[in-house]
Amino acid sequence: MDIAAPASVAPLDPAKFRNPLFTAAGENRASVSLTELRTLWINTGTLCNLTCANCYIESSPTNDRLSYITSSEVEAYLDEIVADGLGTEKIGLTGGEPFMNPDIIPMLDAILTRGLRALVLTNGMKPLWKVRDQLLALKEAHADKLVIRVSIDHYAQAPHEKERGPRSWETAIEGLTWLNENGFALNIAGRTFGNETEDELRAGYAGLFDRLGLTIDPQNPVDLVLFPEMDELADVPEITTDCWGILNVSPNAMMCATSRMVIKRRGATKPVVVPCTLLPYDDRFEMGETLAKAAADVPLNHPHCSKFCVLGGGVCSAG
């Protein structure tokens, strides 16, 4: 098992990702149109019980740049989905740690009672344990419409704790085991840091799943989502309109073709919508307070658009 860090890369050219229409070289910047709002993400707030080494949203016990969103604010978006016939299939709840939001259970109830699927991203630790009884009740009422995605950054304890901190492994595994033993629909989110290939990583997770008795298919990209690492200060190519054909990648495969995310900035009176889970802080990507206003095209004017989505193939909304 090789967990050495990849070689360092050049810093981002400051001329890149400045103009929403053109690249630094003057070429037409690629953009993505919303084909359908298949998944609506809700950021429940950036507070978290952990401070991870490389969290794209910089969640921590002190980062409240995105405030706790309330159940009533979430319900307004659910009502808009119904009123406008958007055909949304799934609501994803991310953070921070969603189970720290005091309205998490009412939010889930509102989502599930409308017949929508709910996907909750969690580290599986103490905040989850505090709502075990309520989660069990929701699971019994709504069965597999409630899916819990647990972040296990590596199949081995040492690399996982290198990312998430000391004593983060055993508690996460305990939470994962409890969820499995109680019949929750589960999938796992891992990371691709280090020099292991995807095949090696999936084989390693297969061993972990077998030891824990999990019925999760490590070869299934929905059951085990492996996210590429992100560093918005590292140099990456800008994506032009010609890149779709050169790379043989469709704009319809990008997250922002089928998803949006609702966030509530600290001190704001109302939530706003942004294109995806990767761009919570850049106000250039703020699209308005309603889903209708957020249906505009998204220019790929951020390093994450290039490295994570187009070149990395990362899709938060899989499944």
C-alpha atoms as a PDB file:
ATOM      1  CA  MET A   1       0.000   0.000   0.000  1.00  0.00           C
ATOM      2  CA  ASP A   2       1.547   3.270  -1.159  1.00  0.00           C
ATOM      3  CA  ILE A   3       0.068   6.326   0.544  1.00  0.00           C
ATOM      4  CA  ALA A   4       2.797   8.764  -0.387  1.00  0.00           C
ATOM      5  CA  ALA A   5       1.595  12.185  -1.437  1.00  0.00           C
ATOM      6  CA  PRO A   6       1.647  12.982  -5.163  1.00  0.00           C
ATOM      7  CA  ALA A   7       4.363  15.226  -6.482  1.00  0.00           C
ATOM      8  CA  SER A   8       3.754  18.957  -6.073  1.00  0.00           C
ATOM      9  CA  VAL A   9       2.291  20.858  -9.003  1.00  0.00           C
ATOM     10  CA  ALA A  10       2.763  24.346 -10.361  1.00  0.00           C
ATOM     11  CA  PRO A  11       0.707  27.186  -8.860  1.00  0.00           C
ATOM     12  CA  LEU A  12      -2.343  28.406 -10.742  1.00  0.00           C
ATOM     13  CA  ASP A  13      -1.701  31.009 -13.424  1.00  0.00           C
ATOM     14  CA  PRO A  14      -3.413  34.162 -12.036  1.00  0.00           C
ATOM     15  CA  ALA A  15      -4.654  35.052 -15.533  1.00  0.00           C
ATOM     16  CA  LYS A  16      -6.853  31.938 -15.634  1.00  0.00           C
ATOM     17  CA  PHE A  17     -10.507  31.648 -14.617  1.00  0.00           C
ATOM     18  CA  ARG A  18     -11.133  35.390 -14.693  1.00  0.00           C
ATOM     19  CA  ASN A  19     -13.598  35.954 -17.528  1.00  0.00           C
ATOM     20  CA  PRO A  20     -16.825  33.913 -17.677  1.00  0.00           C
ATOM     21  CA  LEU A  21     -16.850  34.040 -21.491  1.00  0.00           C
ATOM     22  CA  PHE A  22     -13.199  33.651 -22.469  1.00  0.00           C
ATOM     23  CA  THR A  23     -10.106  31.821 -21.229  1.00  0.00           C
ATOM     24  CA  ALA A  24      -6.796  33.521 -20.525  1.00  0.00           C
ATOM     25  CA  ALA A  25      -5.765  32.564 -24.079  1.00  0.00           C
ATOM     26  CA  GLY A  26      -8.829  34.282 -25.531  1.00  0.00           C
ATOM     27  CA  GLU A  27     -10.688  31.073 -26.447  1.00  0.00           C
ATOM     28  CA  ASN A  28     -14.398  30.578 -25.857  1.00  0.00           C
ATOM     29  CA  ARG A  29     -14.945  29.222 -22.367  1.00  0.00           C
ATOM     30  CA  ALA A  30     -17.119  26.118 -22.070  1.00  0.00           C
ATOM     31  CA  SER A  31     -20.402  26.346 -20.206  1.00  0.00           C
ATOM     32  CA  VAL A  32     -23.038  23.857 -19.131  1.00  0.00           C
ATOM     33  CA  SER A  33     -26.810  24.116 -19.524  1.00  0.00           C
ATOM     34  CA  LEU A  34     -29.244  22.706 -16.996  1.00  0.00           C
ATOM     35  CA  THR A  35     -30.963  19.772 -18.682  1.00  0.00           C
ATOM     36  CA  GLU A  36     -33.099  18.836 -15.659  1.00  0.00           C
ATOM     37  CA  LEU A  37     -32.915  19.431 -11.919  1.00  0.00           C
ATOM     38  CA  ARG A  38     -32.464  15.788 -10.993  1.00  0.00           C
ATOM     39  CA  THR A  39     -30.713  16.502  -7.670  1.00  0.00           C
ATOM     40  CA  LEU A  40     -31.048  19.479  -5.356  1.00  0.00           C
ATOM     41  CA  TRP A  41     -28.310  19.744  -2.757  1.00  0.00           C
ATOM     42  CA  ILE A  42     -28.880  21.546   0.520  1.00  0.00           C
ATOM     43  CA  ASN A  43     -25.843  22.741   2.450  1.00  0.00           C
ATOM     44  CA  THR A  44     -26.971  22.386   6.047  1.00  0.00           C
ATOM     45  CA  GLY A  45     -24.138  24.603   7.354  1.00  0.00           C
ATOM     46  CA  THR A  46     -20.343  24.454   7.385  1.00  0.00           C
ATOM     47  CA  LEU A  47     -19.893  23.631  11.071  1.00  0.00           C
ATOM     48  CA  CYS A  48     -18.413  20.174  11.609  1.00  0.00           C
ATOM     49  CA  ASN A  49     -17.096  18.125  14.505  1.00  0.00           C
ATOM     50  CA  LEU A  50     -13.862  17.506  12.551  1.00  0.00           C
ATOM     51  CA  THR A  51     -11.185  19.641  10.931  1.00  0.00           C
ATOM     52  CA  CYS A  52      -9.932  17.580   8.000  1.00  0.00           C
ATOM     53  CA  ALA A  53      -6.594  18.183   6.321  1.00  0.00           C
ATOM     54  CA  ASN A  54      -8.041  18.810   2.868  1.00  0.00           C
ATOM     55  CA  CYS A  55     -11.724  19.670   3.137  1.00  0.00           C
ATOM     56  CA  TYR A  56     -12.846  21.488  -0.016  1.00  0.00           C
ATOM     57  CA  ILE A  57     -15.345  23.518   2.014  1.00  0.00           C
ATOM     58  CA  GLU A  58     -12.991  24.028   4.990  1.00  0.00           C
ATOM     59  CA  SER A  59     -15.547  22.688   7.471  1.00  0.00           C
ATOM     60  CA  SER A  60     -14.546  22.757  11.128  1.00  0.00           C
ATOM     61  CA  PRO A  61     -15.964  23.326  14.628  1.00  0.00           C
ATOM     62  CA  THR A  62     -15.478  27.082  14.078  1.00  0.00           C
ATOM     63  CA  ASN A  63     -16.263  27.653  10.372  1.00  0.00           C
ATOM     64  CA  ASP A  64     -19.795  29.034  10.159  1.00  0.00           C
ATOM     65  CA  ARG A  65     -19.381  30.875   6.848  1.00  0.00           C
ATOM     66  CA  LEU A  66     -22.495  28.989   5.777  1.00  0.00           C
ATOM     67  CA  SER A  67     -25.117  29.147   8.509  1.00  0.00           C
ATOM     68  CA  TYR A  68     -27.483  26.399   9.586  1.00  0.00           C
ATOM     69  CA  ILE A  69     -30.350  26.386   7.117  1.00  0.00           C
ATOM     70  CA  THR A  70     -33.792  25.874   8.626  1.00  0.00           C
ATOM     71  CA  SER A  71     -36.431  23.292   7.836  1.00  0.00           C
ATOM     72  CA  SER A  72     -38.882  25.991   6.707  1.00  0.00           C
ATOM     73  CA  GLU A  73     -36.305  27.392   4.276  1.00  0.00           C
ATOM     74  CA  VAL A  74     -35.767  23.944   2.822  1.00  0.00           C
ATOM     75  CA  GLU A  75     -39.512  23.364   2.537  1.00  0.00           C
ATOM     76  CA  ALA A  76     -39.840  26.511   0.408  1.00  0.00           C
ATOM     77  CA  TYR A  77     -37.559  24.918  -2.197  1.00  0.00           C
ATOM     78  CA  LEU A  78     -39.427  21.627  -1.973  1.00  0.00           C
ATOM     79  CA  ASP A  79     -42.650  23.526  -2.618  1.00  0.00           C
ATOM     80  CA  GLU A  80     -41.063  25.238  -5.633  1.00  0.00           C
ATOM     81  CA  ILE A  81     -40.077  21.835  -7.031  1.00  0.00           C
ATOM     82  CA  VAL A  82     -43.700  20.690  -6.823  1.00  0.00           C
ATOM     83  CA  ALA A  83     -45.264  23.952  -8.029  1.00  0.00           C
ATOM     84  CA  ASP A  84     -43.012  24.185 -11.102  1.00  0.00           C
ATOM     85  CA  GLY A  85     -43.112  20.460 -11.886  1.00  0.00           C
ATOM     86  CA  LEU A  86     -39.331  20.217 -11.921  1.00  0.00           C
ATOM     87  CA  GLY A  87     -39.297  16.431 -11.631  1.00  0.00           C
ATOM     88  CA  THR A  88     -36.502  16.450  -9.049  1.00  0.00           C
ATOM     89  CA  GLU A  89     -35.761  12.928  -7.802  1.00  0.00           C
ATOM     90  CA  LYS A  90     -33.381  13.439  -4.898  1.00  0.00           C
ATOM     91  CA  ILE A  91     -32.430  15.941  -2.224  1.00  0.00           C
ATOM     92  CA  GLY A  92     -28.838  15.706  -1.007  1.00  0.00           C
ATOM     93  CA  LEU A  93     -27.887  17.056   2.414  1.00  0.00           C
ATOM     94  CA  THR A  94     -24.263  18.017   2.873  1.00  0.00           C
ATOM     95  CA  GLY A  95     -22.220  20.219   5.204  1.00  0.00           C
ATOM     96  CA  GLY A  96     -20.193  20.551   7.318  1.00  0.00           C
ATOM     97  CA  GLU A  97     -21.732  17.683   9.218  1.00  0.00           C
ATOM     98  CA  PRO A  98     -25.479  17.599   8.479  1.00  0.00           C
ATOM     99  CA  PHE A  99     -26.347  15.827  11.721  1.00  0.00           C
ATOM    100  CA  MET A 100     -25.114  18.875  13.652  1.00  0.00           C
ATOM    101  CA  ASN A 101     -27.926  20.995  12.183  1.00  0.00           C
ATOM    102  CA  PRO A 102     -30.724  21.088  14.792  1.00  0.00           C
ATOM    103  CA  ASP A 103     -33.362  20.901  12.029  1.00  0.00           C
ATOM    104  CA  ILE A 104     -31.916  17.825  10.306  1.00  0.00           C
ATOM    105  CA  ILE A 105     -34.725  15.448  11.296  1.00  0.00           C
ATOM    106  CA  PRO A 106     -37.582  17.823  10.322  1.00  0.00           C
ATOM    107  CA  MET A 107     -35.762  18.460   7.020  1.00  0.00           C
ATOM    108  CA  LEU A 108     -35.527  14.756   6.289  1.00  0.00           C
ATOM    109  CA  ASP A 109     -39.144  14.243   7.236  1.00  0.00           C
ATOM    110  CA  ALA A 110     -40.238  17.039   4.895  1.00  0.00           C
ATOM    111  CA  ILE A 111     -38.232  15.535   2.031  1.00  0.00           C
ATOM    112  CA  LEU A 112     -39.315  11.950   2.540  1.00  0.00           C
ATOM    113  CA  THR A 113     -43.007  12.652   3.137  1.00  0.00           C
ATOM    114  CA  ARG A 114     -43.085  14.345  -0.271  1.00  0.00           C
ATOM    115  CA  GLY A 115     -41.947  11.078  -1.826  1.00  0.00           C
ATOM    116  CA  LEU A 116     -38.452  12.343  -2.674  1.00  0.00           C
ATOM    117  CA  ARG A 117     -35.263  10.405  -2.039  1.00  0.00           C
ATOM    118  CA  ALA A 118     -32.899  11.811   0.586  1.00  0.00           C
ATOM    119  CA  LEU A 119     -29.129  11.361   0.568  1.00  0.00           C
ATOM    120  CA  VAL A 120     -27.234  12.467   3.689  1.00  0.00           C
ATOM    121  CA  LEU A 121     -23.452  12.875   3.662  1.00  0.00           C
ATOM    122  CA  THR A 122     -21.950  12.250   7.090  1.00  0.00           C
ATOM    123  CA  ASN A 123     -18.762  11.282   8.859  1.00  0.00           C
ATOM    124  CA  GLY A 124     -20.776   8.756  10.868  1.00  0.00           C
ATOM    125  CA  MET A 125     -19.553  10.043  14.219  1.00  0.00           C
ATOM    126  CA  LYS A 126     -21.130  11.470  17.399  1.00  0.00           C
ATOM    127  CA  PRO A 127     -23.611  13.913  15.771  1.00  0.00           C
ATOM    128  CA  LEU A 128     -25.250  10.936  14.040  1.00  0.00           C
ATOM    129  CA  TRP A 129     -25.437   8.974  17.302  1.00  0.00           C
ATOM    130  CA  LYS A 130     -27.494  11.741  18.902  1.00  0.00           C
ATOM    131  CA  VAL A 131     -30.383  11.218  16.443  1.00  0.00           C
ATOM    132  CA  ARG A 132     -30.316   7.421  16.140  1.00  0.00           C
ATOM    133  CA  ASP A 133     -33.881   6.889  17.343  1.00  0.00           C
ATOM    134  CA  GLN A 134     -35.313   9.515  14.977  1.00  0.00           C
ATOM    135  CA  LEU A 135     -33.305   8.087  12.083  1.00  0.00           C
ATOM    136  CA  LEU A 136     -34.624   4.609  12.790  1.00  0.00           C
ATOM    137  CA  ALA A 137     -38.184   5.943  12.724  1.00  0.00           C
ATOM    138  CA  LEU A 138     -37.607   7.661   9.383  1.00  0.00           C
ATOM    139  CA  LYS A 139     -36.037   4.524   7.949  1.00  0.00           C
ATOM    140  CA  GLU A 140     -38.964   2.380   9.073  1.00  0.00           C
ATOM    141  CA  ALA A 141     -41.451   4.807   7.521  1.00  0.00           C
ATOM    142  CA  HIS A 142     -39.638   5.412   4.238  1.00  0.00           C
ATOM    143  CA  ALA A 143     -37.380   2.368   3.720  1.00  0.00           C
ATOM    144  CA  ASP A 144     -34.753   2.787   1.009  1.00  0.00           C
ATOM    145  CA  LYS A 145     -35.742   6.368   0.108  1.00  0.00           C
ATOM    146  CA  LEU A 146     -33.311   7.414   2.846  1.00  0.00           C
ATOM    147  CA  VAL A 147     -29.665   6.798   1.915  1.00  0.00           C
ATOM    148  CA  ILE A 148     -26.712   7.553   4.174  1.00  0.00           C
ATOM    149  CA  ARG A 149     -23.299   8.159   2.592  1.00  0.00           C
ATOM    150  CA  VAL A 150     -20.492   7.723   5.114  1.00  0.00           C
ATOM    151  CA  SER A 151     -17.086   9.285   4.477  1.00  0.00           C
ATOM    152  CA  ILE A 152     -14.365   6.672   4.949  1.00  0.00           C
ATOM    153  CA  ASP A 153     -11.423   8.377   3.275  1.00  0.00           C
ATOM    154  CA  HIS A 154      -9.307   5.227   2.981  1.00  0.00           C
ATOM    155  CA  TYR A 155      -9.782   1.547   3.647  1.00  0.00           C
ATOM    156  CA  ALA A 156      -6.971   1.622   6.223  1.00  0.00           C
ATOM    157  CA  GLN A 157      -6.988   3.481   9.525  1.00  0.00           C
ATOM    158  CA  ALA A 158      -3.698   5.381   9.201  1.00  0.00           C
ATOM    159  CA  PRO A 159      -4.439   7.200   5.913  1.00  0.00           C
ATOM    160  CA  HIS A 160      -8.006   7.906   7.028  1.00  0.00           C
ATOM    161  CA  GLU A 161      -6.784   9.489  10.263  1.00  0.00           C
ATOM    162  CA  LYS A 162      -4.026  11.373   8.445  1.00  0.00           C
ATOM    163  CA  GLU A 163      -6.847  13.184   6.635  1.00  0.00           C
ATOM    164  CA  ARG A 164      -9.473  13.337   9.407  1.00  0.00           C
ATOM    165  CA  GLY A 165      -7.400  13.422  12.570  1.00  0.00           C
ATOM    166  CA  PRO A 166      -6.532  11.076  15.441  1.00  0.00           C
ATOM    167  CA  ARG A 167      -9.292   8.848  16.854  1.00  0.00           C
ATOM    168  CA  SER A 168     -11.573   9.505  13.870  1.00  0.00           C
ATOM    169  CA  TRP A 169     -11.442   5.939  12.524  1.00  0.00           C
ATOM    170  CA  GLU A 170     -12.969   3.800  15.235  1.00  0.00           C
ATOM    171  CA  THR A 171     -15.931   6.101  15.854  1.00  0.00           C
ATOM    172  CA  ALA A 172     -16.703   6.329  12.126  1.00  0.00           C
ATOM    173  CA  ILE A 173     -16.511   2.544  11.754  1.00  0.00           C
ATOM    174  CA  GLU A 174     -18.771   2.162  14.785  1.00  0.00           C
ATOM    175  CA  GLY A 175     -21.346   4.472  13.206  1.00  0.00           C
ATOM    176  CA  LEU A 176     -21.082   2.712   9.854  1.00  0.00           C
ATOM    177  CA  THR A 177     -21.540  -0.672  11.529  1.00  0.00           C
ATOM    178  CA  TRP A 178     -24.618   0.547  13.439  1.00  0.00           C
ATOM    179  CA  LEU A 179     -26.192   1.860  10.234  1.00  0.00           C
ATOM    180  CA  ASN A 180     -25.506  -1.425   8.456  1.00  0.00           C
ATOM    181  CA  GLU A 181     -26.830  -3.593  11.283  1.00  0.00           C
ATOM    182  CA  ASN A 182     -30.040  -1.562  11.349  1.00  0.00           C
ATOM    183  CA  GLY A 183     -30.707  -1.965   7.650  1.00  0.00           C
ATOM    184  CA  PHE A 184     -30.059   1.540   6.337  1.00  0.00           C
ATOM    185  CA  ALA A 185     -29.356   1.983   2.633  1.00  0.00           C
ATOM    186  CA  LEU A 186     -25.673   2.873   2.560  1.00  0.00           C
ATOM    187  CA  ASN A 187     -22.884   3.984   0.319  1.00  0.00           C
ATOM    188  CA  ILE A 188     -19.331   5.083   1.027  1.00  0.00           C
ATOM    189  CA  ALA A 189     -17.313   8.115  -0.040  1.00  0.00           C
ATOM    190  CA  GLY A 190     -13.559   7.627  -0.340  1.00  0.00           C
ATOM    191  CA  ARG A 191     -10.658   9.705  -1.619  1.00  0.00           C
ATOM    192  CA  THR A 192      -7.970   9.207  -4.231  1.00  0.00           C
ATOM    193  CA  PHE A 193      -5.082  10.844  -2.374  1.00  0.00           C
ATOM    194  CA  GLY A 194      -1.782   8.983  -2.539  1.00  0.00           C
ATOM    195  CA  ASN A 195      -0.448   6.945  -5.431  1.00  0.00           C
ATOM    196  CA  GLU A 196      -2.775   3.941  -5.449  1.00  0.00           C
ATOM    197  CA  THR A 197      -4.724   3.201  -8.614  1.00  0.00           C
ATOM    198  CA  GLU A 198      -8.511   3.096  -8.555  1.00  0.00           C
ATOM    199  CA  ASP A 199      -8.390  -0.706  -8.894  1.00  0.00           C
ATOM    200  CA  GLU A 200      -6.089  -0.926  -5.870  1.00  0.00           C
ATOM    201  CA  LEU A 201      -8.322   1.337  -3.839  1.00  0.00           C
ATOM    202  CA  ARG A 202     -11.461  -0.603  -4.705  1.00  0.00           C
ATOM    203  CA  ALA A 203      -9.731  -3.871  -3.831  1.00  0.00           C
ATOM    204  CA  GLY A 204      -8.686  -2.427  -0.476  1.00  0.00           C
ATOM    205  CA  TYR A 205     -12.222  -1.262   0.283  1.00  0.00           C
ATOM    206  CA  ALA A 206     -13.511  -4.709  -0.710  1.00  0.00           C
ATOM    207  CA  GLY A 207     -11.445  -6.202   2.095  1.00  0.00           C
ATOM    208  CA  LEU A 208     -12.768  -3.641   4.583  1.00  0.00           C
ATOM    209  CA  PHE A 209     -16.384  -4.211   3.547  1.00  0.00           C
ATOM    210  CA  ASP A 210     -15.927  -7.958   3.878  1.00  0.00           C
ATOM    211  CA  ARG A 211     -14.464  -7.627   7.377  1.00  0.00           C
ATOM    212  CA  LEU A 212     -17.360  -5.388   8.453  1.00  0.00           C
ATOM    213  CA  GLY A 213     -20.024  -7.544   6.817  1.00  0.00           C
ATOM    214  CA  LEU A 214     -21.232  -4.743   4.532  1.00  0.00           C
ATOM    215  CA  THR A 215     -23.264  -5.588   1.444  1.00  0.00           C
ATOM    216  CA  ILE A 216     -21.675  -2.739  -0.522  1.00  0.00           C
ATOM    217  CA  ASP A 217     -20.257  -3.447  -3.967  1.00  0.00           C
ATOM    218  CA  PRO A 218     -16.790  -1.816  -4.078  1.00  0.00           C
ATOM    219  CA  GLN A 219     -16.807  -1.947  -7.881  1.00  0.00           C
ATOM    220  CA  ASN A 220     -20.038   0.009  -8.126  1.00  0.00           C
ATOM    221  CA  PRO A 221     -19.284   3.757  -8.481  1.00  0.00           C
ATOM    222  CA  VAL A 222     -22.525   4.586  -6.674  1.00  0.00           C
ATOM    223  CA  ASP A 223     -21.924   2.237  -3.727  1.00  0.00           C
ATOM    224  CA  LEU A 224     -18.317   3.428  -3.414  1.00  0.00           C
ATOM    225  CA  VAL A 225     -17.749   6.974  -4.667  1.00  0.00           C
ATOM    226  CA  LEU A 226     -14.067   7.887  -5.017  1.00  0.00           C
ATOM    227  CA  PHE A 227     -13.508  11.620  -5.194  1.00  0.00           C
ATOM    228  CA  PRO A 228     -10.445  13.186  -6.820  1.00  0.00           C
ATOM    229  CA  GLU A 229      -8.431  15.583  -4.707  1.00  0.00           C
ATOM    230  CA  MET A 230      -8.986  19.288  -5.252  1.00  0.00           C
ATOM    231  CA  ASP A 231      -6.660  22.253  -4.900  1.00  0.00           C
ATOM    232  CA  GLU A 232      -7.910  25.490  -6.387  1.00  0.00           C
ATOM    233  CA  LEU A 233      -4.406  27.014  -6.090  1.00  0.00           C
ATOM    234  CA  ALA A 234      -2.836  24.350  -8.342  1.00  0.00           C
ATOM    235  CA  ASP A 235      -2.513  24.958 -12.068  1.00  0.00           C
ATOM    236  CA  VAL A 236      -5.075  23.198 -14.273  1.00  0.00           C
ATOM    237  CA  PRO A 237      -6.159  23.730 -17.874  1.00  0.00           C
ATOM    238  CA  GLU A 238      -9.125  25.958 -18.644  1.00  0.00           C
ATOM    239  CA  ILE A 239     -11.972  24.214 -20.450  1.00  0.00           C
ATOM    240  CA  THR A 240     -12.882  25.631 -23.862  1.00  0.00           C
ATOM    241  CA  THR A 241     -15.839  24.811 -26.075  1.00  0.00           C
ATOM    242  CA  ASP A 242     -13.496  22.680 -28.201  1.00  0.00           C
ATOM    243  CA  CYS A 243     -12.545  20.520 -25.196  1.00  0.00           C
ATOM    244  CA  TRP A 244     -15.813  18.578 -25.274  1.00  0.00           C
ATOM    245  CA  GLY A 245     -14.845  17.002 -28.580  1.00  0.00           C
ATOM    246  CA  ILE A 246     -11.124  16.725 -27.795  1.00  0.00           C
ATOM    247  CA  LEU A 247     -11.778  14.962 -24.478  1.00  0.00           C
ATOM    248  CA  ASN A 248     -14.845  13.070 -25.708  1.00  0.00           C
ATOM    249  CA  VAL A 249     -16.786  14.365 -22.711  1.00  0.00           C
ATOM    250  CA  SER A 250     -20.384  15.578 -22.820  1.00  0.00           C
ATOM    251  CA  PRO A 251     -21.445  18.751 -21.002  1.00  0.00           C
ATOM    252  CA  ASN A 252     -24.565  16.820 -20.000  1.00  0.00           C
ATOM    253  CA  ALA A 253     -22.365  14.573 -17.829  1.00  0.00           C
ATOM    254  CA  MET A 254     -21.326  17.473 -15.596  1.00  0.00           C
ATOM    255  CA  MET A 255     -22.901  17.920 -12.161  1.00  0.00           C
ATOM    256  CA  CYS A 256     -24.296  21.331 -13.031  1.00  0.00           C
ATOM    257  CA  ALA A 257     -26.298  19.829 -15.917  1.00  0.00           C
ATOM    258  CA  THR A 258     -28.569  18.079 -13.428  1.00  0.00           C
ATOM    259  CA  SER A 259     -28.044  19.659 -10.006  1.00  0.00           C
ATOM    260  CA  ARG A 260     -27.951  22.842  -7.967  1.00  0.00           C
ATOM    261  CA  MET A 261     -27.098  23.584  -4.310  1.00  0.00           C
ATOM    262  CA  VAL A 262     -28.851  25.829  -1.798  1.00  0.00           C
ATOM    263  CA  ILE A 263     -26.635  27.671   0.701  1.00  0.00           C
ATOM    264  CA  LYS A 264     -27.246  30.251   3.415  1.00  0.00           C
ATOM    265  CA  ARG A 265     -24.361  32.642   3.965  1.00  0.00           C
ATOM    266  CA  ARG A 266     -23.607  33.800   7.494  1.00  0.00           C
ATOM    267  CA  GLY A 267     -25.622  36.936   8.218  1.00  0.00           C
ATOM    268  CA  ALA A 268     -27.882  36.535   5.172  1.00  0.00           C
ATOM    269  CA  THR A 269     -31.638  36.770   5.575  1.00  0.00           C
ATOM    270  CA  LYS A 270     -32.384  34.224   2.841  1.00  0.00           C
ATOM    271  CA  PRO A 271     -30.654  31.264   1.183  1.00  0.00           C
ATOM    272  CA  VAL A 272     -29.362  31.443  -2.396  1.00  0.00           C
ATOM    273  CA  VAL A 273     -28.690  28.864  -5.087  1.00  0.00           C
ATOM    274  CA  VAL A 274     -25.271  28.013  -6.563  1.00  0.00           C
ATOM    275  CA  PRO A 275     -24.434  25.579  -9.394  1.00  0.00           C
ATOM    276  CA  CYS A 276     -23.060  22.672  -7.360  1.00  0.00           C
ATOM    277  CA  THR A 277     -21.523  21.430  -4.126  1.00  0.00           C
ATOM    278  CA  LEU A 278     -18.000  22.577  -5.070  1.00  0.00           C
ATOM    279  CA  LEU A 279     -18.578  26.331  -5.250  1.00  0.00           C
ATOM    280  CA  PRO A 280     -20.080  27.466  -1.951  1.00  0.00           C
ATOM    281  CA  TYR A 281     -17.999  30.602  -1.376  1.00  0.00           C
ATOM    282  CA  ASP A 282     -17.339  32.183  -4.785  1.00  0.00           C
ATOM    283  CA  ASP A 283     -20.016  34.857  -5.156  1.00  0.00           C
ATOM    284  CA  ARG A 284     -19.497  34.900  -8.930  1.00  0.00           C
ATOM    285  CA  PHE A 285     -21.531  31.693  -9.000  1.00  0.00           C
ATOM    286  CA  GLU A 286     -24.473  32.966  -6.969  1.00  0.00           C
ATOM    287  CA  MET A 287     -27.562  32.395  -9.131  1.00  0.00           C
ATOM    288  CA  GLY A 288     -30.451  33.922  -7.171  1.00  0.00           C
ATOM    289  CA  GLU A 289     -32.840  32.982  -4.391  1.00  0.00           C
ATOM    290  CA  THR A 290     -35.101  30.640  -6.381  1.00  0.00           C
ATOM    291  CA  LEU A 291     -34.620  27.514  -8.454  1.00  0.00           C
ATOM    292  CA  ALA A 292     -36.227  29.266 -11.408  1.00  0.00           C
ATOM    293  CA  LYS A 293     -33.534  31.954 -11.388  1.00  0.00           C
ATOM    294  CA  ALA A 294     -30.858  29.272 -11.025  1.00  0.00           C
ATOM    295  CA  ALA A 295     -31.718  27.596 -14.323  1.00  0.00           C
ATOM    296  CA  ALA A 296     -29.189  29.726 -16.241  1.00  0.00           C
ATOM    297  CA  ASP A 297     -26.106  28.270 -17.959  1.00  0.00           C
ATOM    298  CA  VAL A 298     -22.989  27.799 -15.821  1.00  0.00           C
ATOM    299  CA  PRO A 299     -19.626  28.991 -17.221  1.00  0.00           C
ATOM    300  CA  LEU A 300     -16.810  26.631 -16.227  1.00  0.00           C
ATOM    301  CA  ASN A 301     -14.864  29.492 -14.696  1.00  0.00           C
ATOM    302  CA  HIS A 302     -13.278  27.805 -11.673  1.00  0.00           C
ATOM    303  CA  PRO A 303     -10.379  25.339 -11.242  1.00  0.00           C
ATOM    304  CA  HIS A 304     -12.747  22.785  -9.659  1.00  0.00           C
ATOM    305  CA  CYS A 305     -14.826  22.774 -12.854  1.00  0.00           C
ATOM    306  CA  SER A 306     -11.732  21.672 -14.726  1.00  0.00           C
ATOM    307  CA  LYS A 307      -9.964  19.276 -12.361  1.00  0.00           C
ATOM    308  CA  PHE A 308     -12.834  17.695 -10.477  1.00  0.00           C
ATOM    309  CA  CYS A 309     -15.623  17.570 -13.042  1.00  0.00           C
ATOM    310  CA  VAL A 310     -14.291  17.648 -16.611  1.00  0.00           C
ATOM    311  CA  LEU A 311     -10.857  16.045 -16.150  1.00  0.00           C
ATOM    312  CA  GLY A 312     -11.459  14.147 -12.894  1.00  0.00           C
ATOM    313  CA  GLY A 313     -14.886  12.737 -13.699  1.00  0.00           C
ATOM    314  CA  GLY A 314     -16.128  13.531 -10.190  1.00  0.00           C
ATOM    315  CA  VAL A 315     -19.909  13.393  -9.741  1.00  0.00           C
ATOM    316  CA  CYS A 316     -21.313  14.098  -6.271  1.00  0.00           C
ATOM    317  CA  SER A 317     -24.831  13.219  -7.342  1.00  0.00           C
ATOM    318  CA  ALA A 318     -24.196   9.652  -8.515  1.00  0.00           C
ATOM    319  CA  GLY A 319     -26.911   7.223  -7.567  1.00  0.00           C
END
